[in-house]
Amino acid sequence: MTTRTSTCPCKSVEIEVTGTDKGAVLCHCSNCQAQSGSAFMHNHRLTKSDMKFTRGQDFVKTYVDKNTKSGNELTRGFCSNCGSSLFLTNPAFKGLTILTAGTMNGERTQPSMELFPESKYQWVGDVTGKSSKL
């Protein structure tokens, strides 16, 4: 089991997630592009996870994203004070917590996979050394 923490830039929220580390992925779907304000979202996945708010749970707001390319509903958690994206959960995958790498404390690993490559900006190169999937 691995424990990872995430803290928003304003330090209002801190989250601790314990679970099985499944590594990092880049998501190129249009929803993650919009949520991150960038060409992709760098996410870190933990399964069989337990999420605990160690600070600022009252600042956490969620958005249920029903219009996803995969058809899976995602709950996107963010800080209501600074607006930073913190985590994603998916009711179709019980025990899966996805932390946004930009708010993670400690080491951020190189993504092992890229999701939704058909939405990838053509100027973004391969960062995994593998072909894209999903």
N, C-alpha and C. Protein backbone atom coordinates (compact mmCIF):
# COMPACT_ATOMS: atom_id res chain seq x y z
N MET A 1 0.83 -1.18 0.00
CA MET A 1 0.00 0.00 0.00
C MET A 1 0.88 1.25 0.00
N THR A 2 0.40 2.23 -0.72
CA THR A 2 1.08 3.51 -0.85
C THR A 2 0.18 4.61 -0.31
N THR A 3 0.77 5.60 0.33
CA THR A 3 0.01 6.76 0.76
C THR A 3 0.56 7.98 0.03
N ARG A 4 -0.35 8.73 -0.61
CA ARG A 4 0.00 9.95 -1.33
C ARG A 4 -0.84 11.08 -0.76
N THR A 5 -0.28 12.28 -0.75
CA THR A 5 -1.04 13.44 -0.31
C THR A 5 -1.09 14.47 -1.44
N SER A 6 -2.16 15.24 -1.44
CA SER A 6 -2.34 16.34 -2.38
C SER A 6 -2.74 17.57 -1.60
N THR A 7 -2.21 18.70 -2.00
CA THR A 7 -2.52 19.97 -1.37
C THR A 7 -2.73 21.00 -2.47
N CYS A 8 -3.79 21.77 -2.36
CA CYS A 8 -4.05 22.82 -3.35
C CYS A 8 -3.05 23.97 -3.14
N PRO A 9 -2.86 24.82 -4.14
CA PRO A 9 -1.89 25.92 -4.01
C PRO A 9 -2.16 26.88 -2.85
N CYS A 10 -3.43 27.10 -2.50
CA CYS A 10 -3.73 28.03 -1.40
C CYS A 10 -3.61 27.35 -0.04
N LYS A 11 -3.34 26.04 -0.05
CA LYS A 11 -3.14 25.24 1.18
C LYS A 11 -4.41 25.08 2.02
N SER A 12 -5.57 25.39 1.45
CA SER A 12 -6.83 25.23 2.19
C SER A 12 -7.21 23.77 2.34
N VAL A 13 -6.83 22.94 1.35
CA VAL A 13 -7.23 21.53 1.34
C VAL A 13 -6.00 20.64 1.29
N GLU A 14 -6.03 19.59 2.10
CA GLU A 14 -5.02 18.54 2.01
C GLU A 14 -5.75 17.21 2.07
N ILE A 15 -5.40 16.32 1.15
CA ILE A 15 -6.04 15.01 1.04
C ILE A 15 -4.96 13.94 1.16
N GLU A 16 -5.29 12.88 1.86
CA GLU A 16 -4.41 11.73 1.98
C GLU A 16 -5.13 10.54 1.37
N VAL A 17 -4.48 9.86 0.42
CA VAL A 17 -5.07 8.69 -0.23
C VAL A 17 -4.11 7.52 -0.04
N THR A 18 -4.64 6.43 0.50
CA THR A 18 -3.88 5.20 0.68
C THR A 18 -4.49 4.14 -0.23
N GLY A 19 -3.65 3.45 -0.97
CA GLY A 19 -4.14 2.41 -1.86
C GLY A 19 -3.00 1.76 -2.64
N THR A 20 -3.38 0.95 -3.60
CA THR A 20 -2.41 0.28 -4.46
C THR A 20 -2.05 1.23 -5.60
N ASP A 21 -0.77 1.54 -5.72
CA ASP A 21 -0.28 2.49 -6.71
C ASP A 21 -0.30 1.86 -8.10
N LYS A 22 -1.10 2.41 -9.00
CA LYS A 22 -1.18 1.92 -10.38
C LYS A 22 -0.45 2.85 -11.35
N GLY A 23 0.25 3.83 -10.83
CA GLY A 23 1.07 4.70 -11.67
C GLY A 23 0.31 5.85 -12.30
N ALA A 24 1.03 6.60 -13.09
CA ALA A 24 0.51 7.82 -13.68
C ALA A 24 0.10 7.62 -15.13
N VAL A 25 -0.88 8.40 -15.55
CA VAL A 25 -1.33 8.42 -16.95
C VAL A 25 -1.56 9.88 -17.35
N LEU A 26 -1.48 10.13 -18.65
CA LEU A 26 -1.91 11.41 -19.20
C LEU A 26 -3.27 11.20 -19.83
N CYS A 27 -4.21 12.09 -19.56
CA CYS A 27 -5.51 12.01 -20.20
C CYS A 27 -5.66 13.19 -21.15
N HIS A 28 -5.94 12.88 -22.42
CA HIS A 28 -6.07 13.89 -23.46
C HIS A 28 -7.53 14.19 -23.81
N CYS A 29 -8.49 13.64 -23.04
CA CYS A 29 -9.89 13.90 -23.38
C CYS A 29 -10.19 15.40 -23.23
N SER A 30 -11.18 15.87 -23.96
CA SER A 30 -11.48 17.30 -23.95
C SER A 30 -11.91 17.80 -22.57
N ASN A 31 -12.55 16.94 -21.78
CA ASN A 31 -12.95 17.36 -20.42
C ASN A 31 -11.74 17.57 -19.53
N CYS A 32 -10.76 16.68 -19.59
CA CYS A 32 -9.54 16.86 -18.78
C CYS A 32 -8.73 18.05 -19.29
N GLN A 33 -8.73 18.28 -20.60
CA GLN A 33 -8.05 19.46 -21.14
C GLN A 33 -8.69 20.72 -20.56
N ALA A 34 -10.01 20.77 -20.57
CA ALA A 34 -10.71 21.94 -20.05
C ALA A 34 -10.50 22.09 -18.54
N GLN A 35 -10.56 20.97 -17.81
CA GLN A 35 -10.39 21.01 -16.35
C GLN A 35 -8.99 21.46 -15.95
N SER A 36 -7.98 21.00 -16.70
CA SER A 36 -6.60 21.35 -16.37
C SER A 36 -6.18 22.70 -16.95
N GLY A 37 -6.91 23.17 -17.97
CA GLY A 37 -6.50 24.40 -18.65
C GLY A 37 -5.26 24.18 -19.48
N SER A 38 -5.02 22.93 -19.88
CA SER A 38 -3.80 22.58 -20.60
C SER A 38 -4.11 21.56 -21.69
N ALA A 39 -3.07 21.03 -22.30
CA ALA A 39 -3.22 20.07 -23.39
C ALA A 39 -3.61 18.69 -22.89
N PHE A 40 -3.44 18.43 -21.61
CA PHE A 40 -3.75 17.12 -21.02
C PHE A 40 -3.79 17.27 -19.51
N MET A 41 -4.24 16.22 -18.84
CA MET A 41 -4.19 16.19 -17.37
C MET A 41 -3.29 15.02 -16.97
N HIS A 42 -2.32 15.31 -16.13
CA HIS A 42 -1.40 14.30 -15.60
C HIS A 42 -2.03 13.76 -14.33
N ASN A 43 -2.45 12.50 -14.35
CA ASN A 43 -3.18 11.88 -13.24
C ASN A 43 -2.39 10.73 -12.65
N HIS A 44 -2.57 10.50 -11.36
CA HIS A 44 -1.94 9.37 -10.68
C HIS A 44 -3.04 8.52 -10.06
N ARG A 45 -3.05 7.22 -10.37
CA ARG A 45 -4.16 6.34 -9.99
C ARG A 45 -3.82 5.45 -8.80
N LEU A 46 -4.76 5.39 -7.85
CA LEU A 46 -4.63 4.47 -6.72
C LEU A 46 -5.91 3.64 -6.64
N THR A 47 -5.75 2.33 -6.59
CA THR A 47 -6.91 1.44 -6.47
C THR A 47 -6.99 0.90 -5.05
N LYS A 48 -8.14 0.29 -4.75
CA LYS A 48 -8.40 -0.19 -3.39
C LYS A 48 -8.08 0.93 -2.41
N SER A 49 -8.53 2.12 -2.77
CA SER A 49 -8.09 3.32 -2.07
C SER A 49 -9.05 3.77 -0.98
N ASP A 50 -8.45 4.51 -0.07
CA ASP A 50 -9.18 5.15 1.01
C ASP A 50 -8.74 6.60 1.02
N MET A 51 -9.70 7.53 0.87
CA MET A 51 -9.37 8.95 0.82
C MET A 51 -9.80 9.60 2.14
N LYS A 52 -8.87 10.38 2.71
CA LYS A 52 -9.14 11.07 3.96
C LYS A 52 -8.72 12.53 3.80
N PHE A 53 -9.60 13.43 4.21
CA PHE A 53 -9.28 14.86 4.19
C PHE A 53 -8.57 15.19 5.49
N THR A 54 -7.33 15.64 5.41
CA THR A 54 -6.57 16.00 6.60
C THR A 54 -6.67 17.49 6.90
N ARG A 55 -7.20 18.24 5.92
CA ARG A 55 -7.42 19.67 6.13
C ARG A 55 -8.40 20.17 5.06
N GLY A 56 -9.35 21.00 5.47
CA GLY A 56 -10.17 21.76 4.55
C GLY A 56 -11.26 21.05 3.78
N GLN A 57 -11.83 19.98 4.33
CA GLN A 57 -12.89 19.26 3.62
C GLN A 57 -14.05 20.21 3.26
N ASP A 58 -14.29 21.21 4.08
CA ASP A 58 -15.37 22.16 3.80
C ASP A 58 -15.11 22.99 2.54
N PHE A 59 -13.86 23.09 2.13
CA PHE A 59 -13.51 23.83 0.91
C PHE A 59 -13.68 22.99 -0.35
N VAL A 60 -13.81 21.67 -0.20
CA VAL A 60 -13.89 20.79 -1.36
C VAL A 60 -15.29 20.81 -1.95
N LYS A 61 -15.35 21.07 -3.22
CA LYS A 61 -16.60 21.00 -3.98
C LYS A 61 -16.40 19.94 -5.06
N THR A 62 -17.50 19.36 -5.49
CA THR A 62 -17.41 18.35 -6.55
C THR A 62 -18.33 18.70 -7.70
N TYR A 63 -17.94 18.22 -8.85
CA TYR A 63 -18.71 18.37 -10.07
C TYR A 63 -18.86 16.98 -10.66
N VAL A 64 -20.08 16.55 -10.93
CA VAL A 64 -20.31 15.25 -11.55
C VAL A 64 -20.31 15.46 -13.06
N ASP A 65 -19.28 14.94 -13.69
CA ASP A 65 -19.07 15.08 -15.13
C ASP A 65 -19.73 13.89 -15.83
N LYS A 66 -20.89 14.12 -16.41
CA LYS A 66 -21.66 13.05 -17.06
C LYS A 66 -21.42 12.98 -18.56
N ASN A 67 -20.81 14.00 -19.12
CA ASN A 67 -20.60 14.07 -20.55
C ASN A 67 -19.16 13.69 -20.89
N THR A 68 -18.81 12.43 -20.60
CA THR A 68 -17.44 11.98 -20.81
C THR A 68 -17.34 11.15 -22.08
N LYS A 69 -16.18 11.14 -22.66
CA LYS A 69 -15.94 10.40 -23.90
C LYS A 69 -16.09 8.89 -23.68
N SER A 70 -15.73 8.42 -22.48
CA SER A 70 -15.81 6.99 -22.18
C SER A 70 -17.24 6.56 -21.85
N GLY A 71 -18.09 7.54 -21.51
CA GLY A 71 -19.44 7.22 -21.06
C GLY A 71 -19.52 6.98 -19.57
N ASN A 72 -18.37 6.95 -18.89
CA ASN A 72 -18.33 6.77 -17.44
C ASN A 72 -18.47 8.12 -16.76
N GLU A 73 -19.31 8.18 -15.75
CA GLU A 73 -19.51 9.39 -14.96
C GLU A 73 -18.30 9.58 -14.04
N LEU A 74 -17.74 10.77 -14.02
CA LEU A 74 -16.62 11.08 -13.15
C LEU A 74 -17.03 12.15 -12.15
N THR A 75 -16.61 11.99 -10.92
CA THR A 75 -16.77 13.05 -9.94
C THR A 75 -15.43 13.76 -9.82
N ARG A 76 -15.44 15.04 -10.13
CA ARG A 76 -14.21 15.83 -10.12
C ARG A 76 -14.22 16.72 -8.87
N GLY A 77 -13.22 16.56 -8.00
CA GLY A 77 -13.12 17.33 -6.78
C GLY A 77 -12.15 18.48 -6.94
N PHE A 78 -12.52 19.65 -6.41
CA PHE A 78 -11.66 20.82 -6.53
C PHE A 78 -11.80 21.70 -5.30
N CYS A 79 -10.82 22.57 -5.11
CA CYS A 79 -10.84 23.52 -3.99
C CYS A 79 -11.72 24.70 -4.38
N SER A 80 -12.70 25.01 -3.54
CA SER A 80 -13.60 26.13 -3.83
C SER A 80 -12.94 27.48 -3.56
N ASN A 81 -11.81 27.48 -2.89
CA ASN A 81 -11.11 28.74 -2.62
C ASN A 81 -10.22 29.15 -3.79
N CYS A 82 -9.37 28.23 -4.27
CA CYS A 82 -8.45 28.58 -5.36
C CYS A 82 -8.82 27.95 -6.70
N GLY A 83 -9.76 27.01 -6.70
CA GLY A 83 -10.23 26.41 -7.95
C GLY A 83 -9.41 25.25 -8.47
N SER A 84 -8.38 24.85 -7.75
CA SER A 84 -7.50 23.79 -8.24
C SER A 84 -8.18 22.43 -8.23
N SER A 85 -7.98 21.69 -9.32
CA SER A 85 -8.47 20.33 -9.42
C SER A 85 -7.63 19.44 -8.52
N LEU A 86 -8.28 18.59 -7.72
CA LEU A 86 -7.58 17.76 -6.74
C LEU A 86 -7.66 16.27 -7.02
N PHE A 87 -8.86 15.79 -7.36
CA PHE A 87 -9.04 14.35 -7.51
C PHE A 87 -10.22 14.06 -8.42
N LEU A 88 -10.27 12.80 -8.87
CA LEU A 88 -11.41 12.27 -9.62
C LEU A 88 -11.77 10.92 -9.05
N THR A 89 -13.04 10.61 -9.04
CA THR A 89 -13.50 9.26 -8.70
C THR A 89 -14.51 8.85 -9.76
N ASN A 90 -14.73 7.55 -9.85
CA ASN A 90 -15.63 7.01 -10.85
C ASN A 90 -16.44 5.90 -10.21
N PRO A 91 -17.76 6.07 -10.07
CA PRO A 91 -18.58 5.06 -9.41
C PRO A 91 -18.55 3.69 -10.11
N ALA A 92 -18.17 3.67 -11.37
CA ALA A 92 -18.07 2.40 -12.09
C ALA A 92 -16.85 1.59 -11.63
N PHE A 93 -15.89 2.28 -11.01
CA PHE A 93 -14.67 1.63 -10.53
C PHE A 93 -14.52 1.92 -9.04
N LYS A 94 -15.24 1.18 -8.22
CA LYS A 94 -15.21 1.36 -6.76
C LYS A 94 -13.77 1.22 -6.26
N GLY A 95 -13.38 2.12 -5.39
CA GLY A 95 -12.04 2.04 -4.80
C GLY A 95 -10.96 2.66 -5.65
N LEU A 96 -11.31 3.33 -6.74
CA LEU A 96 -10.33 4.02 -7.58
C LEU A 96 -10.36 5.51 -7.25
N THR A 97 -9.20 6.05 -6.89
CA THR A 97 -9.06 7.49 -6.70
C THR A 97 -7.94 7.95 -7.61
N ILE A 98 -8.21 9.02 -8.35
CA ILE A 98 -7.25 9.59 -9.27
C ILE A 98 -6.86 10.96 -8.73
N LEU A 99 -5.58 11.12 -8.43
CA LEU A 99 -5.07 12.41 -7.94
C LEU A 99 -4.45 13.17 -9.10
N THR A 100 -4.71 14.48 -9.17
CA THR A 100 -4.07 15.29 -10.19
C THR A 100 -2.63 15.53 -9.76
N ALA A 101 -1.70 15.19 -10.62
CA ALA A 101 -0.28 15.20 -10.27
C ALA A 101 0.23 16.58 -9.87
N GLY A 102 -0.35 17.63 -10.43
CA GLY A 102 0.11 18.98 -10.10
C GLY A 102 -0.09 19.37 -8.66
N THR A 103 -1.03 18.74 -7.96
CA THR A 103 -1.28 19.06 -6.56
C THR A 103 -0.67 18.03 -5.61
N MET A 104 -0.08 16.98 -6.18
CA MET A 104 0.50 15.93 -5.33
C MET A 104 1.78 16.41 -4.67
N ASN A 105 1.97 15.97 -3.43
CA ASN A 105 3.21 16.22 -2.71
C ASN A 105 4.14 15.04 -2.96
N GLY A 106 5.43 15.30 -3.01
CA GLY A 106 6.39 14.23 -3.22
C GLY A 106 6.60 13.93 -4.69
N GLU A 107 7.11 12.74 -4.95
CA GLU A 107 7.49 12.34 -6.31
C GLU A 107 6.28 12.18 -7.22
N ARG A 108 6.44 12.67 -8.42
CA ARG A 108 5.45 12.47 -9.48
C ARG A 108 6.11 11.60 -10.53
N THR A 109 5.47 10.49 -10.86
CA THR A 109 6.10 9.55 -11.77
C THR A 109 5.75 9.84 -13.22
N GLN A 110 6.63 9.39 -14.10
CA GLN A 110 6.40 9.53 -15.53
C GLN A 110 5.19 8.70 -15.92
N PRO A 111 4.29 9.25 -16.71
CA PRO A 111 3.11 8.48 -17.14
C PRO A 111 3.51 7.22 -17.90
N SER A 112 2.77 6.15 -17.64
CA SER A 112 3.03 4.88 -18.33
C SER A 112 2.06 4.66 -19.48
N MET A 113 1.05 5.54 -19.58
CA MET A 113 0.02 5.36 -20.60
C MET A 113 -0.61 6.72 -20.90
N GLU A 114 -1.10 6.86 -22.14
CA GLU A 114 -1.84 8.04 -22.54
C GLU A 114 -3.24 7.62 -22.94
N LEU A 115 -4.25 8.31 -22.39
CA LEU A 115 -5.64 8.00 -22.67
C LEU A 115 -6.21 8.97 -23.70
N PHE A 116 -7.09 8.49 -24.55
CA PHE A 116 -7.76 9.27 -25.58
C PHE A 116 -6.78 9.98 -26.52
N PRO A 117 -5.88 9.22 -27.14
CA PRO A 117 -4.88 9.81 -28.03
C PRO A 117 -5.48 10.52 -29.25
N GLU A 118 -6.71 10.17 -29.61
CA GLU A 118 -7.34 10.84 -30.75
C GLU A 118 -7.64 12.32 -30.46
N SER A 119 -7.64 12.70 -29.18
CA SER A 119 -7.85 14.10 -28.80
C SER A 119 -6.55 14.81 -28.45
N LYS A 120 -5.45 14.11 -28.59
CA LYS A 120 -4.14 14.65 -28.25
C LYS A 120 -3.75 15.75 -29.23
N TYR A 121 -3.26 16.86 -28.71
CA TYR A 121 -2.78 17.94 -29.58
C TYR A 121 -1.60 17.39 -30.38
N GLN A 122 -1.57 17.66 -31.67
CA GLN A 122 -0.57 17.03 -32.52
C GLN A 122 0.86 17.44 -32.18
N TRP A 123 1.05 18.55 -31.49
CA TRP A 123 2.39 19.00 -31.15
C TRP A 123 2.90 18.40 -29.84
N VAL A 124 2.05 17.63 -29.12
CA VAL A 124 2.48 16.97 -27.89
C VAL A 124 3.14 15.66 -28.26
N GLY A 125 4.38 15.48 -27.89
CA GLY A 125 5.11 14.26 -28.20
C GLY A 125 4.77 13.13 -27.25
N ASP A 126 5.31 11.96 -27.54
CA ASP A 126 5.10 10.78 -26.69
C ASP A 126 5.96 10.92 -25.43
N VAL A 127 5.36 10.75 -24.27
CA VAL A 127 6.11 10.85 -23.02
C VAL A 127 6.26 9.49 -22.34
N THR A 128 5.62 8.47 -22.88
CA THR A 128 5.65 7.16 -22.23
C THR A 128 6.63 6.18 -22.86
N GLY A 129 6.99 6.43 -24.11
CA GLY A 129 7.83 5.48 -24.82
C GLY A 129 7.03 4.30 -25.34
N LYS A 130 5.70 4.35 -25.23
CA LYS A 130 4.81 3.28 -25.68
C LYS A 130 3.75 3.87 -26.59
N SER A 131 3.04 3.01 -27.27
CA SER A 131 1.92 3.50 -28.07
C SER A 131 0.73 3.81 -27.15
N SER A 132 -0.08 4.75 -27.56
CA SER A 132 -1.23 5.18 -26.78
C SER A 132 -2.35 4.16 -26.84
N LYS A 133 -3.18 4.13 -25.79
CA LYS A 133 -4.31 3.20 -25.71
C LYS A 133 -5.56 3.90 -25.24
N LEU A 134 -6.67 3.22 -25.38
CA LEU A 134 -8.02 3.51 -24.89
C LEU A 134 -8.91 4.09 -25.89
